[in-house]
Amino acid sequence: MNFCQPRAASAQKVGHMEAYLTVACILSGFGIAVLMFRIQRELHMQERHPDSPNWLAWADYLVIGSIALSLLLVVLPLVALPSPGKQALAFAAASCAAATILLAGYPPAILDHYRIEIGAKRKGDRNKGEPIEKVLVLLTAFIAVAVFAGVVAWRLAL
């Protein structure tokens, strides 16, 4: 604790850290559960159809990105740094926002991948990335990057 800082500011900083850590842990925990389910499904399909290719859908990379942001740019710096500064807190806030957006984009993208509701009229073999799935993943990633940059800029300007 820096004794030159007023206690109210220090308490507020700790409150932000706890909030970011909570959000990041929830998002990464959910993401890891989803990813393990998807990997289990792909392994099961590989056992049943050994000649068929197995892969992660494009949508799954939204989950992987969310996990990586949550753990590497929120949990790791806030836990490892002795006194995270303004920059670390700005990146933590931005990472939480971007990871949330990535996970929010997962359901419509995976629904299209499996042709449930979205893309239900397409016929034939499924591909690693279905056409609408690709658009949804790229759009979600673009929005997440834009929000990340916006939150970092806004937090550092305060």
N, C-alpha and C. Protein backbone atom coordinates (compact mmCIF):
# COMPACT_ATOMS: atom_id res chain seq x y z
N MET A 1 0.84 -1.18 0.00
CA MET A 1 0.00 0.00 0.00
C MET A 1 0.89 1.24 0.00
N ASN A 2 0.57 2.19 -0.82
CA ASN A 2 1.32 3.43 -0.90
C ASN A 2 0.74 4.41 0.12
N PHE A 3 1.53 4.78 1.13
CA PHE A 3 1.04 5.64 2.20
C PHE A 3 0.88 7.09 1.77
N CYS A 4 1.38 7.43 0.58
CA CYS A 4 1.20 8.79 0.07
C CYS A 4 -0.19 8.98 -0.54
N GLN A 5 -0.85 7.88 -0.87
CA GLN A 5 -2.18 7.95 -1.44
C GLN A 5 -3.22 8.08 -0.34
N PRO A 6 -4.25 8.85 -0.58
CA PRO A 6 -5.34 8.88 0.39
C PRO A 6 -5.99 7.50 0.48
N ARG A 7 -6.47 7.14 1.67
CA ARG A 7 -7.05 5.81 1.86
C ARG A 7 -8.28 5.59 1.00
N ALA A 8 -9.08 6.62 0.76
CA ALA A 8 -10.28 6.46 -0.05
C ALA A 8 -9.92 6.04 -1.48
N ALA A 9 -8.88 6.66 -2.04
CA ALA A 9 -8.45 6.32 -3.39
C ALA A 9 -7.91 4.89 -3.42
N SER A 10 -7.17 4.51 -2.39
CA SER A 10 -6.62 3.16 -2.31
C SER A 10 -7.74 2.13 -2.19
N ALA A 11 -8.74 2.42 -1.38
CA ALA A 11 -9.87 1.51 -1.21
C ALA A 11 -10.65 1.38 -2.51
N GLN A 12 -10.80 2.49 -3.23
CA GLN A 12 -11.51 2.46 -4.50
C GLN A 12 -10.75 1.60 -5.51
N LYS A 13 -9.43 1.71 -5.53
CA LYS A 13 -8.59 0.93 -6.43
C LYS A 13 -8.73 -0.56 -6.13
N VAL A 14 -8.72 -0.90 -4.85
CA VAL A 14 -8.88 -2.31 -4.45
C VAL A 14 -10.26 -2.80 -4.87
N GLY A 15 -11.28 -1.97 -4.72
CA GLY A 15 -12.62 -2.34 -5.14
C GLY A 15 -12.71 -2.62 -6.63
N HIS A 16 -12.04 -1.79 -7.43
CA HIS A 16 -12.00 -2.02 -8.87
C HIS A 16 -11.27 -3.33 -9.18
N MET A 17 -10.15 -3.55 -8.51
CA MET A 17 -9.39 -4.78 -8.74
C MET A 17 -10.24 -6.01 -8.43
N GLU A 18 -10.93 -5.97 -7.30
CA GLU A 18 -11.77 -7.11 -6.92
C GLU A 18 -12.89 -7.33 -7.94
N ALA A 19 -13.48 -6.25 -8.41
CA ALA A 19 -14.55 -6.38 -9.42
C ALA A 19 -14.01 -6.98 -10.71
N TYR A 20 -12.86 -6.50 -11.17
CA TYR A 20 -12.28 -7.03 -12.41
C TYR A 20 -11.89 -8.49 -12.24
N LEU A 21 -11.31 -8.83 -11.10
CA LEU A 21 -10.94 -10.22 -10.85
C LEU A 21 -12.18 -11.12 -10.82
N THR A 22 -13.24 -10.65 -10.21
CA THR A 22 -14.48 -11.44 -10.15
C THR A 22 -15.03 -11.68 -11.55
N VAL A 23 -15.13 -10.61 -12.34
CA VAL A 23 -15.65 -10.75 -13.70
C VAL A 23 -14.77 -11.69 -14.51
N ALA A 24 -13.45 -11.50 -14.44
CA ALA A 24 -12.53 -12.33 -15.21
C ALA A 24 -12.61 -13.80 -14.81
N CYS A 25 -12.76 -14.06 -13.53
CA CYS A 25 -12.85 -15.45 -13.07
C CYS A 25 -14.15 -16.10 -13.53
N ILE A 26 -15.24 -15.36 -13.50
CA ILE A 26 -16.52 -15.90 -13.97
C ILE A 26 -16.45 -16.18 -15.48
N LEU A 27 -15.93 -15.21 -16.23
CA LEU A 27 -15.84 -15.39 -17.69
C LEU A 27 -14.91 -16.53 -18.06
N SER A 28 -13.75 -16.61 -17.42
CA SER A 28 -12.81 -17.68 -17.77
C SER A 28 -13.34 -19.03 -17.31
N GLY A 29 -13.98 -19.10 -16.17
CA GLY A 29 -14.54 -20.36 -15.70
C GLY A 29 -15.62 -20.87 -16.64
N PHE A 30 -16.51 -19.97 -17.06
CA PHE A 30 -17.55 -20.34 -18.01
C PHE A 30 -16.91 -20.77 -19.34
N GLY A 31 -15.95 -19.99 -19.80
CA GLY A 31 -15.29 -20.29 -21.07
C GLY A 31 -14.59 -21.63 -21.07
N ILE A 32 -13.90 -21.94 -19.99
CA ILE A 32 -13.20 -23.22 -19.89
C ILE A 32 -14.20 -24.37 -19.89
N ALA A 33 -15.33 -24.21 -19.20
CA ALA A 33 -16.36 -25.25 -19.20
C ALA A 33 -16.90 -25.48 -20.62
N VAL A 34 -17.17 -24.40 -21.34
CA VAL A 34 -17.66 -24.51 -22.72
C VAL A 34 -16.62 -25.19 -23.59
N LEU A 35 -15.37 -24.78 -23.46
CA LEU A 35 -14.30 -25.35 -24.28
C LEU A 35 -14.12 -26.84 -24.00
N MET A 36 -14.17 -27.23 -22.74
CA MET A 36 -14.02 -28.66 -22.41
C MET A 36 -15.19 -29.47 -23.00
N PHE A 37 -16.39 -28.92 -22.95
CA PHE A 37 -17.53 -29.58 -23.56
C PHE A 37 -17.31 -29.76 -25.06
N ARG A 38 -16.83 -28.71 -25.72
CA ARG A 38 -16.61 -28.78 -27.16
C ARG A 38 -15.52 -29.78 -27.51
N ILE A 39 -14.44 -29.80 -26.73
CA ILE A 39 -13.36 -30.75 -27.00
C ILE A 39 -13.87 -32.18 -26.79
N GLN A 40 -14.63 -32.39 -25.72
CA GLN A 40 -15.19 -33.71 -25.45
C GLN A 40 -16.09 -34.16 -26.60
N ARG A 41 -16.90 -33.24 -27.12
CA ARG A 41 -17.78 -33.56 -28.23
C ARG A 41 -16.98 -33.94 -29.46
N GLU A 42 -15.94 -33.18 -29.77
CA GLU A 42 -15.13 -33.48 -30.94
C GLU A 42 -14.43 -34.83 -30.80
N LEU A 43 -13.94 -35.15 -29.61
CA LEU A 43 -13.29 -36.45 -29.39
C LEU A 43 -14.31 -37.58 -29.54
N HIS A 44 -15.52 -37.37 -29.03
CA HIS A 44 -16.57 -38.37 -29.17
C HIS A 44 -16.91 -38.59 -30.64
N MET A 45 -17.02 -37.51 -31.40
CA MET A 45 -17.32 -37.62 -32.83
C MET A 45 -16.17 -38.31 -33.57
N GLN A 46 -14.95 -38.07 -33.14
CA GLN A 46 -13.80 -38.71 -33.77
C GLN A 46 -13.84 -40.23 -33.53
N GLU A 47 -14.25 -40.64 -32.33
CA GLU A 47 -14.37 -42.07 -32.05
C GLU A 47 -15.45 -42.71 -32.91
N ARG A 48 -16.58 -42.02 -33.07
CA ARG A 48 -17.70 -42.57 -33.84
C ARG A 48 -17.46 -42.52 -35.34
N HIS A 49 -16.72 -41.53 -35.80
CA HIS A 49 -16.46 -41.34 -37.23
C HIS A 49 -14.96 -41.07 -37.42
N PRO A 50 -14.13 -42.11 -37.32
CA PRO A 50 -12.67 -41.91 -37.35
C PRO A 50 -12.14 -41.32 -38.65
N ASP A 51 -12.86 -41.47 -39.74
CA ASP A 51 -12.38 -40.93 -41.02
C ASP A 51 -12.79 -39.49 -41.26
N SER A 52 -13.67 -38.97 -40.43
CA SER A 52 -14.13 -37.59 -40.58
C SER A 52 -13.14 -36.64 -39.90
N PRO A 53 -12.98 -35.45 -40.48
CA PRO A 53 -12.08 -34.49 -39.84
C PRO A 53 -12.71 -33.94 -38.55
N ASN A 54 -11.87 -33.63 -37.61
CA ASN A 54 -12.39 -32.95 -36.41
C ASN A 54 -11.66 -31.62 -36.29
N TRP A 55 -12.37 -30.66 -35.71
CA TRP A 55 -11.82 -29.31 -35.61
C TRP A 55 -12.57 -28.53 -34.56
N LEU A 56 -12.03 -27.41 -34.22
CA LEU A 56 -12.76 -26.43 -33.43
C LEU A 56 -13.45 -25.50 -34.41
N ALA A 57 -14.68 -25.18 -34.12
CA ALA A 57 -15.42 -24.24 -34.97
C ALA A 57 -14.82 -22.85 -34.81
N TRP A 58 -15.05 -22.00 -35.79
CA TRP A 58 -14.60 -20.60 -35.67
C TRP A 58 -15.14 -19.99 -34.40
N ALA A 59 -16.38 -20.31 -34.05
CA ALA A 59 -17.02 -19.75 -32.85
C ALA A 59 -16.22 -20.09 -31.59
N ASP A 60 -15.59 -21.25 -31.57
CA ASP A 60 -14.82 -21.66 -30.40
C ASP A 60 -13.65 -20.72 -30.11
N TYR A 61 -13.15 -20.07 -31.14
CA TYR A 61 -12.04 -19.15 -30.94
C TYR A 61 -12.48 -17.89 -30.20
N LEU A 62 -13.77 -17.58 -30.22
CA LEU A 62 -14.28 -16.48 -29.39
C LEU A 62 -14.12 -16.84 -27.92
N VAL A 63 -14.41 -18.07 -27.58
CA VAL A 63 -14.27 -18.54 -26.19
C VAL A 63 -12.80 -18.56 -25.79
N ILE A 64 -11.95 -19.06 -26.66
CA ILE A 64 -10.51 -19.10 -26.37
C ILE A 64 -9.97 -17.69 -26.16
N GLY A 65 -10.39 -16.75 -27.00
CA GLY A 65 -9.97 -15.36 -26.84
C GLY A 65 -10.44 -14.76 -25.54
N SER A 66 -11.67 -15.07 -25.15
CA SER A 66 -12.22 -14.56 -23.89
C SER A 66 -11.43 -15.10 -22.69
N ILE A 67 -11.11 -16.38 -22.74
CA ILE A 67 -10.33 -16.99 -21.66
C ILE A 67 -8.95 -16.33 -21.57
N ALA A 68 -8.31 -16.18 -22.72
CA ALA A 68 -6.97 -15.58 -22.75
C ALA A 68 -6.98 -14.16 -22.21
N LEU A 69 -7.93 -13.34 -22.65
CA LEU A 69 -8.02 -11.97 -22.14
C LEU A 69 -8.23 -11.96 -20.62
N SER A 70 -9.17 -12.77 -20.17
CA SER A 70 -9.51 -12.79 -18.75
C SER A 70 -8.33 -13.21 -17.88
N LEU A 71 -7.62 -14.23 -18.30
CA LEU A 71 -6.53 -14.75 -17.47
C LEU A 71 -5.23 -13.96 -17.63
N LEU A 72 -4.90 -13.61 -18.87
CA LEU A 72 -3.59 -12.99 -19.12
C LEU A 72 -3.56 -11.48 -18.93
N LEU A 73 -4.68 -10.80 -19.16
CA LEU A 73 -4.67 -9.35 -19.04
C LEU A 73 -5.47 -8.83 -17.84
N VAL A 74 -6.11 -9.73 -17.10
CA VAL A 74 -6.81 -9.32 -15.89
C VAL A 74 -6.21 -10.03 -14.68
N VAL A 75 -6.40 -11.33 -14.60
CA VAL A 75 -5.98 -12.07 -13.41
C VAL A 75 -4.47 -12.00 -13.21
N LEU A 76 -3.70 -12.33 -14.21
CA LEU A 76 -2.25 -12.36 -14.05
C LEU A 76 -1.66 -11.03 -13.59
N PRO A 77 -1.92 -9.92 -14.28
CA PRO A 77 -1.30 -8.67 -13.82
C PRO A 77 -1.82 -8.18 -12.47
N LEU A 78 -3.11 -8.35 -12.21
CA LEU A 78 -3.65 -7.84 -10.95
C LEU A 78 -3.20 -8.67 -9.76
N VAL A 79 -2.88 -9.93 -9.99
CA VAL A 79 -2.40 -10.78 -8.91
C VAL A 79 -0.88 -10.70 -8.79
N ALA A 80 -0.19 -10.59 -9.92
CA ALA A 80 1.27 -10.65 -9.90
C ALA A 80 1.94 -9.32 -9.58
N LEU A 81 1.35 -8.22 -9.99
CA LEU A 81 1.98 -6.92 -9.74
C LEU A 81 1.77 -6.51 -8.28
N PRO A 82 2.81 -6.00 -7.64
CA PRO A 82 2.67 -5.64 -6.23
C PRO A 82 1.67 -4.51 -5.99
N SER A 83 1.61 -3.56 -6.90
CA SER A 83 0.66 -2.47 -6.77
C SER A 83 0.26 -2.03 -8.18
N PRO A 84 -0.75 -2.71 -8.76
CA PRO A 84 -1.14 -2.38 -10.14
C PRO A 84 -1.51 -0.91 -10.27
N GLY A 85 -0.97 -0.29 -11.28
CA GLY A 85 -1.22 1.14 -11.51
C GLY A 85 -2.39 1.38 -12.44
N LYS A 86 -2.49 2.62 -12.86
CA LYS A 86 -3.59 3.07 -13.71
C LYS A 86 -3.65 2.28 -15.02
N GLN A 87 -2.48 2.00 -15.60
CA GLN A 87 -2.43 1.27 -16.87
C GLN A 87 -2.94 -0.16 -16.70
N ALA A 88 -2.51 -0.83 -15.64
CA ALA A 88 -2.95 -2.21 -15.41
C ALA A 88 -4.46 -2.27 -15.18
N LEU A 89 -4.98 -1.29 -14.45
CA LEU A 89 -6.43 -1.26 -14.20
C LEU A 89 -7.19 -0.92 -15.49
N ALA A 90 -6.63 -0.06 -16.33
CA ALA A 90 -7.26 0.26 -17.61
C ALA A 90 -7.32 -0.97 -18.50
N PHE A 91 -6.22 -1.72 -18.56
CA PHE A 91 -6.19 -2.94 -19.37
C PHE A 91 -7.11 -4.00 -18.79
N ALA A 92 -7.20 -4.07 -17.48
CA ALA A 92 -8.11 -5.04 -16.85
C ALA A 92 -9.56 -4.72 -17.19
N ALA A 93 -9.93 -3.45 -17.08
CA ALA A 93 -11.30 -3.04 -17.41
C ALA A 93 -11.60 -3.32 -18.88
N ALA A 94 -10.68 -2.96 -19.75
CA ALA A 94 -10.87 -3.18 -21.18
C ALA A 94 -10.94 -4.66 -21.52
N SER A 95 -10.13 -5.46 -20.87
CA SER A 95 -10.13 -6.90 -21.10
C SER A 95 -11.43 -7.54 -20.65
N CYS A 96 -11.96 -7.10 -19.52
CA CYS A 96 -13.25 -7.61 -19.05
C CYS A 96 -14.35 -7.27 -20.06
N ALA A 97 -14.34 -6.05 -20.56
CA ALA A 97 -15.35 -5.63 -21.54
C ALA A 97 -15.22 -6.43 -22.83
N ALA A 98 -14.01 -6.57 -23.33
CA ALA A 98 -13.79 -7.30 -24.58
C ALA A 98 -14.11 -8.79 -24.43
N ALA A 99 -13.72 -9.38 -23.31
CA ALA A 99 -14.00 -10.80 -23.08
C ALA A 99 -15.50 -11.04 -22.99
N THR A 100 -16.22 -10.11 -22.40
CA THR A 100 -17.68 -10.22 -22.31
C THR A 100 -18.30 -10.19 -23.71
N ILE A 101 -17.81 -9.31 -24.55
CA ILE A 101 -18.32 -9.22 -25.93
C ILE A 101 -18.01 -10.50 -26.69
N LEU A 102 -16.81 -11.03 -26.53
CA LEU A 102 -16.46 -12.27 -27.22
C LEU A 102 -17.40 -13.41 -26.82
N LEU A 103 -17.68 -13.52 -25.52
CA LEU A 103 -18.59 -14.58 -25.08
C LEU A 103 -20.02 -14.32 -25.54
N ALA A 104 -20.42 -13.06 -25.62
CA ALA A 104 -21.77 -12.73 -26.09
C ALA A 104 -21.94 -13.11 -27.56
N GLY A 105 -20.85 -13.08 -28.33
CA GLY A 105 -20.93 -13.45 -29.73
C GLY A 105 -20.91 -14.95 -29.98
N TYR A 106 -20.57 -15.72 -28.95
CA TYR A 106 -20.46 -17.17 -29.12
C TYR A 106 -21.78 -17.87 -29.45
N PRO A 107 -22.86 -17.62 -28.71
CA PRO A 107 -24.10 -18.37 -29.00
C PRO A 107 -24.60 -18.24 -30.44
N PRO A 108 -24.72 -17.04 -31.00
CA PRO A 108 -25.20 -17.01 -32.39
C PRO A 108 -24.22 -17.66 -33.36
N ALA A 109 -22.92 -17.52 -33.11
CA ALA A 109 -21.93 -18.11 -34.02
C ALA A 109 -21.98 -19.64 -33.96
N ILE A 110 -22.09 -20.22 -32.77
CA ILE A 110 -22.10 -21.69 -32.67
C ILE A 110 -23.43 -22.23 -33.17
N LEU A 111 -24.52 -21.47 -32.99
CA LEU A 111 -25.81 -21.89 -33.55
C LEU A 111 -25.72 -21.97 -35.07
N ASP A 112 -25.04 -21.00 -35.68
CA ASP A 112 -24.88 -21.07 -37.13
C ASP A 112 -23.98 -22.23 -37.52
N HIS A 113 -22.94 -22.47 -36.75
CA HIS A 113 -22.04 -23.58 -37.07
C HIS A 113 -22.81 -24.90 -37.14
N TYR A 114 -23.73 -25.10 -36.22
CA TYR A 114 -24.51 -26.34 -36.19
C TYR A 114 -25.81 -26.23 -36.99
N ARG A 115 -26.01 -25.09 -37.64
CA ARG A 115 -27.19 -24.86 -38.47
C ARG A 115 -28.49 -25.01 -37.67
N ILE A 116 -28.45 -24.49 -36.47
CA ILE A 116 -29.64 -24.45 -35.62
C ILE A 116 -30.19 -23.04 -35.71
N GLU A 117 -31.39 -22.92 -36.21
CA GLU A 117 -32.03 -21.62 -36.44
C GLU A 117 -31.27 -20.84 -37.51
N ILE A 118 -30.14 -20.25 -37.13
CA ILE A 118 -29.35 -19.48 -38.09
C ILE A 118 -28.68 -20.47 -39.05
N GLY A 119 -28.82 -20.27 -40.32
CA GLY A 119 -28.18 -21.15 -41.29
C GLY A 119 -28.84 -22.50 -41.44
N ALA A 120 -30.06 -22.65 -40.92
CA ALA A 120 -30.74 -23.95 -40.95
C ALA A 120 -31.06 -24.42 -42.37
N LYS A 121 -31.12 -23.50 -43.31
CA LYS A 121 -31.50 -23.86 -44.68
C LYS A 121 -30.31 -24.38 -45.50
N ARG A 122 -29.10 -24.20 -45.00
CA ARG A 122 -27.94 -24.71 -45.74
C ARG A 122 -27.92 -26.23 -45.68
N LYS A 123 -27.50 -26.85 -46.75
CA LYS A 123 -27.42 -28.31 -46.84
C LYS A 123 -25.98 -28.71 -47.12
N GLY A 124 -25.70 -29.99 -46.97
CA GLY A 124 -24.38 -30.51 -47.27
C GLY A 124 -23.51 -30.58 -46.03
N ASP A 125 -22.27 -30.94 -46.25
CA ASP A 125 -21.32 -31.08 -45.14
C ASP A 125 -21.06 -29.73 -44.50
N ARG A 126 -20.86 -29.78 -43.18
CA ARG A 126 -20.48 -28.55 -42.48
C ARG A 126 -18.99 -28.33 -42.68
N ASN A 127 -18.60 -27.07 -42.61
CA ASN A 127 -17.19 -26.70 -42.72
C ASN A 127 -16.68 -26.20 -41.38
N LYS A 128 -15.37 -26.09 -41.27
CA LYS A 128 -14.78 -25.57 -40.04
C LYS A 128 -15.39 -24.22 -39.69
N GLY A 129 -15.57 -23.40 -40.67
CA GLY A 129 -16.22 -22.11 -40.49
C GLY A 129 -17.35 -21.98 -41.49
N GLU A 130 -18.58 -21.99 -41.00
CA GLU A 130 -19.74 -21.79 -41.86
C GLU A 130 -19.78 -20.32 -42.28
N PRO A 131 -20.39 -20.00 -43.41
CA PRO A 131 -20.35 -18.61 -43.91
C PRO A 131 -20.83 -17.55 -42.92
N ILE A 132 -22.01 -17.73 -42.35
CA ILE A 132 -22.53 -16.73 -41.41
C ILE A 132 -21.72 -16.77 -40.12
N GLU A 133 -21.29 -17.95 -39.72
CA GLU A 133 -20.45 -18.09 -38.51
C GLU A 133 -19.19 -17.23 -38.65
N LYS A 134 -18.55 -17.28 -39.81
CA LYS A 134 -17.34 -16.49 -40.04
C LYS A 134 -17.63 -14.99 -39.89
N VAL A 135 -18.73 -14.56 -40.48
CA VAL A 135 -19.11 -13.14 -40.40
C VAL A 135 -19.36 -12.76 -38.94
N LEU A 136 -20.09 -13.60 -38.21
CA LEU A 136 -20.39 -13.30 -36.81
C LEU A 136 -19.13 -13.26 -35.95
N VAL A 137 -18.22 -14.20 -36.18
CA VAL A 137 -16.96 -14.23 -35.41
C VAL A 137 -16.12 -13.00 -35.71
N LEU A 138 -15.97 -12.66 -36.97
CA LEU A 138 -15.16 -11.49 -37.34
C LEU A 138 -15.79 -10.19 -36.84
N LEU A 139 -17.11 -10.09 -36.94
CA LEU A 139 -17.80 -8.90 -36.44
C LEU A 139 -17.65 -8.78 -34.92
N THR A 140 -17.82 -9.89 -34.23
CA THR A 140 -17.65 -9.90 -32.77
C THR A 140 -16.24 -9.51 -32.38
N ALA A 141 -15.25 -10.07 -33.07
CA ALA A 141 -13.85 -9.75 -32.77
C ALA A 141 -13.56 -8.27 -33.02
N PHE A 142 -14.08 -7.74 -34.11
CA PHE A 142 -13.89 -6.32 -34.43
C PHE A 142 -14.49 -5.45 -33.33
N ILE A 143 -15.71 -5.76 -32.91
CA ILE A 143 -16.37 -4.98 -31.85
C ILE A 143 -15.58 -5.09 -30.56
N ALA A 144 -15.10 -6.28 -30.24
CA ALA A 144 -14.31 -6.47 -29.01
C ALA A 144 -13.03 -5.65 -29.04
N VAL A 145 -12.34 -5.62 -30.17
CA VAL A 145 -11.10 -4.84 -30.29
C VAL A 145 -11.41 -3.35 -30.16
N ALA A 146 -12.48 -2.90 -30.81
CA ALA A 146 -12.85 -1.48 -30.74
C ALA A 146 -13.22 -1.08 -29.31
N VAL A 147 -13.98 -1.91 -28.62
CA VAL A 147 -14.36 -1.62 -27.23
C VAL A 147 -13.12 -1.65 -26.34
N PHE A 148 -12.23 -2.62 -26.55
CA PHE A 148 -10.99 -2.69 -25.77
C PHE A 148 -10.22 -1.38 -25.91
N ALA A 149 -10.00 -0.95 -27.14
CA ALA A 149 -9.25 0.30 -27.37
C ALA A 149 -9.96 1.49 -26.77
N GLY A 150 -11.27 1.54 -26.91
CA GLY A 150 -12.04 2.66 -26.36
C GLY A 150 -11.97 2.73 -24.85
N VAL A 151 -12.10 1.57 -24.20
CA VAL A 151 -12.05 1.54 -22.74
C VAL A 151 -10.66 1.93 -22.22
N VAL A 152 -9.62 1.41 -22.87
CA VAL A 152 -8.25 1.77 -22.46
C VAL A 152 -8.06 3.28 -22.60
N ALA A 153 -8.43 3.83 -23.73
CA ALA A 153 -8.25 5.28 -23.97
C ALA A 153 -9.05 6.08 -22.94
N TRP A 154 -10.27 5.68 -22.69
CA TRP A 154 -11.13 6.39 -21.74
C TRP A 154 -10.57 6.31 -20.32
N ARG A 155 -10.15 5.11 -19.90
CA ARG A 155 -9.62 4.96 -18.54
C ARG A 155 -8.32 5.69 -18.33
N LEU A 156 -7.46 5.72 -19.36
CA LEU A 156 -6.19 6.43 -19.20
C LEU A 156 -6.37 7.94 -19.26
N ALA A 157 -7.46 8.40 -19.86
CA ALA A 157 -7.73 9.84 -19.94
C ALA A 157 -8.32 10.39 -18.63
N LEU A 158 -8.85 9.51 -17.79
CA LEU A 158 -9.45 9.97 -16.52
C LEU A 158 -8.41 10.54 -15.58
